[in-house]
Amino acid sequence: MSLAFGAVIRVLEQGLVYAVMAVGVYLSSRVLDFPDLTVDGSFPMGAAIAARLLTVGVHPFAGTLLVPVAGFFAGAATGMLNTKLRISNLLAGILTMTALYSVNLRIMGRANVPLLRTGTVLTVLQNKGIPPGVSAFLLFCIVVAVVKLVIDLFLRTEFGLALRATGDNEAMIRSLGVNTDSMKIMGIGLANALVALSGALVAQYQGFADIGMGIGTVVAGLASVIIGEAIIPPRSVGMGTLGAIIGSIIYRFAVFLALRLGFAPTDLKLVTAVLVIAALSSKSIKQRIDNSERRKAVRDVGTEVSL
């Protein structure tokens, strides 16, 4: 029982730490309607910067808080490629992601940086007397709660409303005098700031930063957002961010169950694809079932009338 409980707690921890990334993907994909592939580069960049800063003696909390700044500039670079140079959003994200691969290698100096003997935000909490089995869960709960609160409040401000309007109807909000280019740059920058923060926390949680840890991150983030939307309809900003968080936790539990059922780690990308397909098709399947039931009800009524 204790082993099973410990496994569930670890999955919850993973779901929470990746939920920060999922909220960032929600901002770019749903609020701005911008398919941003920069995520696959900014996530390992956050891990790389955190690992570099921690190994040279920077305080873990200070080093972690500096990471979102770099993530913001990475996202802003994609936004500028799209808005100023008129490069398509997909290609702009691919270009930035490709460039960040070399940047991340420069930052780390090698492909993998271990953090097992380096002080992290988790070891700081443990040194304060918080048990190792509780520190990660407690920290990630606090971080996710703060991120959700800040993003929800931000999107309700005048600037946040303009950001949301840019994603809903860019032509309309531009006609009202809003600089939609600046909105996109700021929005994509903010999304990647959250993604980089998640990468920094994941690196400290798993004890290393690796150049390949960002592969498939955007797909995992979209899977979390889509699963969350299937469970919690995003009728408001708060519901949207909550859905992304819940979706991240469910996605990690699905991966955990897949491994328990005997799937190899190399099959996890296939599992992710199946989960996304199932989440995307659930709405249309439900609509078809409802339409079929309506047609059947109409036929039954018609039969009764004819009799």
Foldseek 3Di string as FASTA:
>chain_A
DVVVVLVLLVLLLQLLLLLLLLLLLCLQCPQQVFLALLLLQLLLLLQLQLLLCQVVPHPQVVSLVCSLVVQLVLQLQLLCCCPVVVDHRVVSRVVSSVVSLVVSCVSNVHFKHFQPVTDHPQVVVVVVVDDSSCSSVVVSVVVLVVSLVVLQVCLPDPLNVLLSVCRVPVVVSVVVVDDSSVSSSNSSSNSSSSSSSSSNSVCVVVGMRGSNPSVCSSLLSVLQQLQLCLVQPCPDSSSSSVSSSVSSSVLSVQLVVCVVVPDDPVCVVVSSVVSSVCSVCVVVVVVVVVVVVVVVVVVVVVVVVVD
